[in-house]
PDB file of N, CA and C in Angstrom:
ATOM      1  N   MET A   1       0.872  -1.207  -0.075  1.00  0.00           N
ATOM      2  CA  MET A   1       0.099   0.048  -0.039  1.00  0.00           C
ATOM      3  C   MET A   1       1.178   1.402  -0.093  1.00  0.00           C
ATOM      4  N   MET A   2       2.228   1.110   0.646  1.00  0.00           N
ATOM      5  CA  MET A   2       2.926   2.323   0.755  1.00  0.00           C
ATOM      6  C   MET A   2       3.835   2.233  -0.410  1.00  0.00           C
ATOM      7  N   THR A   3       3.833   1.893  -1.482  1.00  0.00           N
ATOM      8  CA  THR A   3       4.720   1.876  -2.665  1.00  0.00           C
ATOM      9  C   THR A   3       4.077   2.040  -3.912  1.00  0.00           C
ATOM     10  N   ASP A   4       4.527   2.996  -4.531  1.00  0.00           N
ATOM     11  CA  ASP A   4       3.718   3.361  -6.180  1.00  0.00           C
ATOM     12  C   ASP A   4       3.582   2.177  -6.941  1.00  0.00           C
ATOM     13  N   ARG A   5       2.428   2.204  -7.272  1.00  0.00           N
ATOM     14  CA  ARG A   5       2.170   1.247  -8.327  1.00  0.00           C
ATOM     15  C   ARG A   5       1.823   1.779  -9.702  1.00  0.00           C
ATOM     16  N   PRO A   6       1.737   1.006 -10.721  1.00  0.00           N
ATOM     17  CA  PRO A   6       1.561   1.624 -12.089  1.00  0.00           C
ATOM     18  C   PRO A   6      -0.146   2.064 -12.049  1.00  0.00           C
ATOM     19  N   TYR A   7      -0.798   1.772 -11.178  1.00  0.00           N
ATOM     20  CA  TYR A   7      -2.424   1.886 -11.262  1.00  0.00           C
ATOM     21  C   TYR A   7      -2.607   2.783 -10.132  1.00  0.00           C
ATOM     22  N   ARG A   8      -1.597   3.278  -9.224  1.00  0.00           N
ATOM     23  CA  ARG A   8      -1.836   4.551  -7.909  1.00  0.00           C
ATOM     24  C   ARG A   8      -0.780   4.387  -7.623  1.00  0.00           C
ATOM     25  N   VAL A   9      -1.102   5.749  -6.914  1.00  0.00           N
ATOM     26  CA  VAL A   9       0.348   6.194  -6.141  1.00  0.00           C
ATOM     27  C   VAL A   9       0.140   5.773  -4.717  1.00  0.00           C
ATOM     28  N   ARG A  10       1.446   5.736  -3.849  1.00  0.00           N
ATOM     29  CA  ARG A  10       1.440   5.210  -2.702  1.00  0.00           C
ATOM     30  C   ARG A  10       0.357   5.539  -1.976  1.00  0.00           C
ATOM     31  N   LEU A  11      -0.044   5.005  -0.927  1.00  0.00           N
ATOM     32  CA  LEU A  11      -0.794   5.845   0.049  1.00  0.00           C
ATOM     33  C   LEU A  11       0.001   6.349   1.304  1.00  0.00           C
ATOM     34  N   PRO A  12      -0.609   7.286   1.954  1.00  0.00           N
ATOM     35  CA  PRO A  12       0.339   7.816   3.100  1.00  0.00           C
ATOM     36  C   PRO A  12       0.137   6.787   4.172  1.00  0.00           C
ATOM     37  N   LEU A  13       0.970   6.705   5.135  1.00  0.00           N
ATOM     38  CA  LEU A  13       1.146   5.702   6.316  1.00  0.00           C
ATOM     39  C   LEU A  13      -0.207   5.688   6.818  1.00  0.00           C
ATOM     40  N   GLU A  14      -0.549   6.987   7.324  1.00  0.00           N
ATOM     41  CA  GLU A  14      -2.009   7.008   8.071  1.00  0.00           C
ATOM     42  C   GLU A  14      -3.201   6.415   7.508  1.00  0.00           C
ATOM     43  N   ARG A  15      -3.111   6.562   6.119  1.00  0.00           N
ATOM     44  CA  ARG A  15      -4.317   5.943   5.240  1.00  0.00           C
ATOM     45  C   ARG A  15      -4.121   4.348   5.099  1.00  0.00           C
ATOM     46  N   ALA A  16      -2.918   4.059   4.937  1.00  0.00           N
ATOM     47  CA  ALA A  16      -2.581   2.430   5.181  1.00  0.00           C
ATOM     48  C   ALA A  16      -3.181   1.943   6.414  1.00  0.00           C
ATOM     49  N   LEU A  17      -2.602   2.766   6.935  1.00  0.00           N
ATOM     50  CA  LEU A  17      -2.961   1.849   8.493  1.00  0.00           C
ATOM     51  C   LEU A  17      -4.507   1.821   8.810  1.00  0.00           C
ATOM     52  N   ALA A  18      -5.025   3.184   8.295  1.00  0.00           N
ATOM     53  CA  ALA A  18      -6.569   3.288   8.430  1.00  0.00           C
ATOM     54  C   ALA A  18      -7.273   2.093   7.593  1.00  0.00           C
ATOM     55  N   GLU A  19      -6.730   1.772   6.398  1.00  0.00           N
ATOM     56  CA  GLU A  19      -7.236   0.571   5.583  1.00  0.00           C
ATOM     57  C   GLU A  19      -6.824  -0.671   6.426  1.00  0.00           C
ATOM     58  N   LEU A  20      -5.770  -1.102   7.040  1.00  0.00           N
ATOM     59  CA  LEU A  20      -5.594  -2.202   7.614  1.00  0.00           C
ATOM     60  C   LEU A  20      -6.599  -2.228   8.582  1.00  0.00           C
ATOM     61  N   GLN A  21      -6.953  -1.386   9.276  1.00  0.00           N
ATOM     62  CA  GLN A  21      -8.058  -1.219  10.423  1.00  0.00           C
ATOM     63  C   GLN A  21      -9.143  -1.543  10.017  1.00  0.00           C
ATOM     64  N   ARG A  22      -9.599  -1.120   9.088  1.00  0.00           N
ATOM     65  CA  ARG A  22     -11.051  -1.191   8.381  1.00  0.00           C
ATOM     66  C   ARG A  22     -11.333  -2.731   8.042  1.00  0.00           C
ATOM     67  N   ASN A  23     -10.055  -3.157   7.675  1.00  0.00           N
ATOM     68  CA  ASN A  23     -10.176  -4.717   6.997  1.00  0.00           C
ATOM     69  C   ASN A  23      -9.983  -5.821   8.060  1.00  0.00           C
ATOM     70  N   CYS A  24      -9.554  -5.315   9.161  1.00  0.00           N
ATOM     71  CA  CYS A  24      -8.934  -6.270  10.289  1.00  0.00           C
ATOM     72  C   CYS A  24     -10.313  -7.360  10.615  1.00  0.00           C
ATOM     73  N   GLY A  25      -9.618  -8.376  10.336  1.00  0.00           N
ATOM     74  CA  GLY A  25     -10.586  -9.520  10.670  1.00  0.00           C
ATOM     75  C   GLY A  25     -11.575  -9.918   9.522  1.00  0.00           C
ATOM     76  N   LYS A  26     -11.227  -9.317   8.454  1.00  0.00           N
ATOM     77  CA  LYS A  26     -11.892  -9.587   7.084  1.00  0.00           C
ATOM     78  C   LYS A  26     -11.248  -9.920   5.993  1.00  0.00           C
ATOM     79  N   GLN A  27     -10.203  -9.034   5.362  1.00  0.00           N
ATOM     80  CA  GLN A  27      -9.266  -9.351   4.897  1.00  0.00           C
ATOM     81  C   GLN A  27      -7.885  -9.491   5.312  1.00  0.00           C
ATOM     82  N   PHE A  28      -7.476  -9.453   6.602  1.00  0.00           N
ATOM     83  CA  PHE A  28      -6.444  -9.382   7.263  1.00  0.00           C
ATOM     84  C   PHE A  28      -6.650  -9.970   8.705  1.00  0.00           C
ATOM     85  N   ASP A  29      -5.672 -10.762   8.973  1.00  0.00           N
ATOM     86  CA  ASP A  29      -5.640 -11.266  10.290  1.00  0.00           C
ATOM     87  C   ASP A  29      -5.535 -10.551  11.460  1.00  0.00           C
ATOM     88  N   PRO A  30      -6.541 -10.644  12.132  1.00  0.00           N
ATOM     89  CA  PRO A  30      -6.153  -9.322  13.526  1.00  0.00           C
ATOM     90  C   PRO A  30      -5.123  -9.434  14.366  1.00  0.00           C
ATOM     91  N   GLU A  31      -4.536 -10.788  14.639  1.00  0.00           N
ATOM     92  CA  GLU A  31      -3.029 -10.685  15.314  1.00  0.00           C
ATOM     93  C   GLU A  31      -1.846 -10.251  14.183  1.00  0.00           C
ATOM     94  N   MET A  32      -1.992 -10.491  13.138  1.00  0.00           N
ATOM     95  CA  MET A  32      -1.003 -10.145  12.326  1.00  0.00           C
ATOM     96  C   MET A  32      -1.093  -8.469  12.338  1.00  0.00           C
ATOM     97  N   ILE A  33      -1.945  -8.052  12.166  1.00  0.00           N
ATOM     98  CA  ILE A  33      -2.213  -6.530  11.791  1.00  0.00           C
ATOM     99  C   ILE A  33      -1.523  -5.500  13.351  1.00  0.00           C
ATOM    100  N   ARG A  34      -2.049  -6.431  14.434  1.00  0.00           N
ATOM    101  CA  ARG A  34      -1.725  -5.926  15.744  1.00  0.00           C
ATOM    102  C   ARG A  34      -0.170  -5.786  15.915  1.00  0.00           C
ATOM    103  N   ALA A  35       0.576  -6.989  15.459  1.00  0.00           N
ATOM    104  CA  ALA A  35       2.038  -7.203  15.637  1.00  0.00           C
ATOM    105  C   ALA A  35       2.584  -6.467  14.696  1.00  0.00           C
ATOM    106  N   PHE A  36       2.127  -6.088  13.509  1.00  0.00           N
ATOM    107  CA  PHE A  36       2.401  -5.066  12.452  1.00  0.00           C
ATOM    108  C   PHE A  36       2.619  -3.579  12.850  1.00  0.00           C
ATOM    109  N   CYS A  37       1.276  -3.305  13.578  1.00  0.00           N
ATOM    110  CA  CYS A  37       1.311  -2.043  13.996  1.00  0.00           C
ATOM    111  C   CYS A  37       2.120  -1.726  15.258  1.00  0.00           C
ATOM    112  N   ARG A  38       2.294  -2.776  16.176  1.00  0.00           N
ATOM    113  CA  ARG A  38       3.225  -2.419  17.135  1.00  0.00           C
ATOM    114  C   ARG A  38       4.716  -2.020  16.772  1.00  0.00           C
ATOM    115  N   VAL A  39       5.146  -2.910  15.716  1.00  0.00           N
ATOM    116  CA  VAL A  39       6.427  -2.523  14.916  1.00  0.00           C
ATOM    117  C   VAL A  39       6.532  -1.080  14.342  1.00  0.00           C
ATOM    118  N   VAL A  40       5.547  -0.837  13.761  1.00  0.00           N
ATOM    119  CA  VAL A  40       5.478   0.667  13.240  1.00  0.00           C
ATOM    120  C   VAL A  40       5.326   1.424  14.303  1.00  0.00           C
ATOM    121  N   LEU A  41       4.680   1.140  15.383  1.00  0.00           N
ATOM    122  CA  LEU A  41       4.779   2.245  16.272  1.00  0.00           C
ATOM    123  C   LEU A  41       5.927   2.521  17.208  1.00  0.00           C
ATOM    124  N   LYS A  42       6.547   1.380  17.252  1.00  0.00           N
ATOM    125  CA  LYS A  42       8.002   1.477  17.484  1.00  0.00           C
ATOM    126  C   LYS A  42       9.098   1.996  16.792  1.00  0.00           C
ATOM    127  N   GLU A  43       8.922   2.036  15.624  1.00  0.00           N
ATOM    128  CA  GLU A  43       9.646   2.730  14.665  1.00  0.00           C
ATOM    129  C   GLU A  43       9.434   4.184  14.661  1.00  0.00           C
ATOM    130  N   ILE A  44       8.190   4.413  14.817  1.00  0.00           N
ATOM    131  CA  ILE A  44       7.746   5.960  14.901  1.00  0.00           C
ATOM    132  C   ILE A  44       8.196   6.762  16.267  1.00  0.00           C
ATOM    133  N   ASN A  45       8.245   5.788  17.091  1.00  0.00           N
ATOM    134  CA  ASN A  45       8.616   6.266  18.378  1.00  0.00           C
ATOM    135  C   ASN A  45      10.152   6.367  18.569  1.00  0.00           C
ATOM    136  N   GLY A  46      10.862   5.695  17.654  1.00  0.00           N
ATOM    137  CA  GLY A  46      12.645   5.577  17.859  1.00  0.00           C
ATOM    138  C   GLY A  46      12.862   4.624  18.796  1.00  0.00           C
ATOM    139  N   ASP A  47      12.167   3.700  18.955  1.00  0.00           N
ATOM    140  CA  ASP A  47      12.507   2.530  19.526  1.00  0.00           C
ATOM    141  C   ASP A  47      13.219   1.105  18.969  1.00  0.00           C
ATOM    142  N   ARG A  48      13.086   1.592  17.460  1.00  0.00           N
ATOM    143  CA  ARG A  48      13.641   0.476  16.767  1.00  0.00           C
ATOM    144  C   ARG A  48      14.083   1.061  15.206  1.00  0.00           C
ATOM    145  N   PRO A  49      15.106   0.774  14.908  1.00  0.00           N
ATOM    146  CA  PRO A  49      15.501   1.290  13.555  1.00  0.00           C
ATOM    147  C   PRO A  49      14.290   1.452  12.264  1.00  0.00           C
ATOM    148  N   ARG A  50      14.172   2.452  11.567  1.00  0.00           N
ATOM    149  CA  ARG A  50      13.441   2.843  10.860  1.00  0.00           C
ATOM    150  C   ARG A  50      13.284   1.598   9.584  1.00  0.00           C
ATOM    151  N   VAL A  51      12.610   0.551   9.394  1.00  0.00           N
ATOM    152  CA  VAL A  51      12.751  -0.469   8.331  1.00  0.00           C
ATOM    153  C   VAL A  51      11.610  -0.261   7.471  1.00  0.00           C
ATOM    154  N   ILE A  52      10.159  -0.341   8.054  1.00  0.00           N
ATOM    155  CA  ILE A  52       8.990  -0.567   7.441  1.00  0.00           C
ATOM    156  C   ILE A  52       8.818   1.237   7.364  1.00  0.00           C
ATOM    157  N   THR A  53       8.975   1.966   8.116  1.00  0.00           N
ATOM    158  CA  THR A  53       8.452   3.202   7.956  1.00  0.00           C
ATOM    159  C   THR A  53       9.675   4.174   7.178  1.00  0.00           C
ATOM    160  N   SER A  54      10.573   3.540   6.810  1.00  0.00           N
ATOM    161  CA  SER A  54      11.604   4.198   5.630  1.00  0.00           C
ATOM    162  C   SER A  54      11.120   4.396   4.372  1.00  0.00           C
ATOM    163  N   THR A  55      10.230   3.599   3.925  1.00  0.00           N
ATOM    164  CA  THR A  55       9.917   3.963   2.651  1.00  0.00           C
ATOM    165  C   THR A  55       8.791   5.108   2.300  1.00  0.00           C
ATOM    166  N   ALA A  56       8.371   5.376   3.607  1.00  0.00           N
ATOM    167  CA  ALA A  56       7.557   6.759   3.411  1.00  0.00           C
ATOM    168  C   ALA A  56       8.222   7.967   3.488  1.00  0.00           C
ATOM    169  N   GLY A  57       9.693   8.180   4.080  1.00  0.00           N
ATOM    170  CA  GLY A  57      10.442   9.014   3.887  1.00  0.00           C
ATOM    171  C   GLY A  57       9.915  10.362   4.588  1.00  0.00           C
ATOM    172  N   ARG A  58       9.272  10.341   5.969  1.00  0.00           N
ATOM    173  CA  ARG A  58       8.994  11.594   6.465  1.00  0.00           C
ATOM    174  C   ARG A  58       8.705  11.157   8.105  1.00  0.00           C
ATOM    175  N   VAL A  59       8.433  11.911   8.747  1.00  0.00           N
ATOM    176  CA  VAL A  59       8.512  11.795  10.224  1.00  0.00           C
ATOM    177  C   VAL A  59       6.936  11.894  10.660  1.00  0.00           C
ATOM    178  N   TYR A  60       6.313  11.085  11.618  1.00  0.00           N
ATOM    179  CA  TYR A  60       5.111  10.884  11.844  1.00  0.00           C
ATOM    180  C   TYR A  60       4.567  11.048  13.331  1.00  0.00           C
ATOM    181  N   ASP A  61       3.608  11.574  13.362  1.00  0.00           N
ATOM    182  CA  ASP A  61       3.088  11.983  14.538  1.00  0.00           C
ATOM    183  C   ASP A  61       1.978  10.598  15.190  1.00  0.00           C
ATOM    184  N   ALA A  62       2.523  10.107  16.113  1.00  0.00           N
ATOM    185  CA  ALA A  62       1.902   8.515  16.599  1.00  0.00           C
ATOM    186  C   ALA A  62       0.696   8.809  17.022  1.00  0.00           C
ATOM    187  N   THR A  63       0.246  10.160  17.453  1.00  0.00           N
ATOM    188  CA  THR A  63      -0.886  10.486  18.227  1.00  0.00           C
ATOM    189  C   THR A  63      -2.057  10.683  17.056  1.00  0.00           C
ATOM    190  N   ARG A  64      -1.559  10.657  15.816  1.00  0.00           N
ATOM    191  CA  ARG A  64      -2.742  10.642  14.602  1.00  0.00           C
ATOM    192  C   ARG A  64      -2.936   9.667  13.902  1.00  0.00           C
ATOM    193  N   LEU A  65      -2.140   8.471  14.308  1.00  0.00           N
ATOM    194  CA  LEU A  65      -2.417   7.386  13.738  1.00  0.00           C
ATOM    195  C   LEU A  65      -3.569   6.160  14.542  1.00  0.00           C
ATOM    196  N   PRO A  66      -4.316   5.546  13.731  1.00  0.00           N
ATOM    197  CA  PRO A  66      -5.493   4.515  14.157  1.00  0.00           C
ATOM    198  C   PRO A  66      -4.913   3.903  15.111  1.00  0.00           C
ATOM    199  N   THR A  67      -5.429   3.347  16.208  1.00  0.00           N
ATOM    200  CA  THR A  67      -5.239   2.379  17.072  1.00  0.00           C
ATOM    201  C   THR A  67      -5.947   1.276  16.854  1.00  0.00           C
ATOM    202  N   PHE A  68      -5.227   0.210  17.380  1.00  0.00           N
ATOM    203  CA  PHE A  68      -5.702  -1.297  17.000  1.00  0.00           C
ATOM    204  C   PHE A  68      -6.231  -1.848  18.240  1.00  0.00           C
TER     205      PHE A  68
END
């Protein structure tokens, strides 16, 4: 969701996480989404190196992200 595709531009992190939240338990496994979001929040808070959020190329405000 966070990379450009020939048919659409990448989604901002906030929107990608909102999409995961919206489809949690339907399209996506809830446990996997919770684990993924924990890793993303650790990256945003500086508790681990940026790997997932590095593709987004900007700083995020963790208070604006959806909660799971």
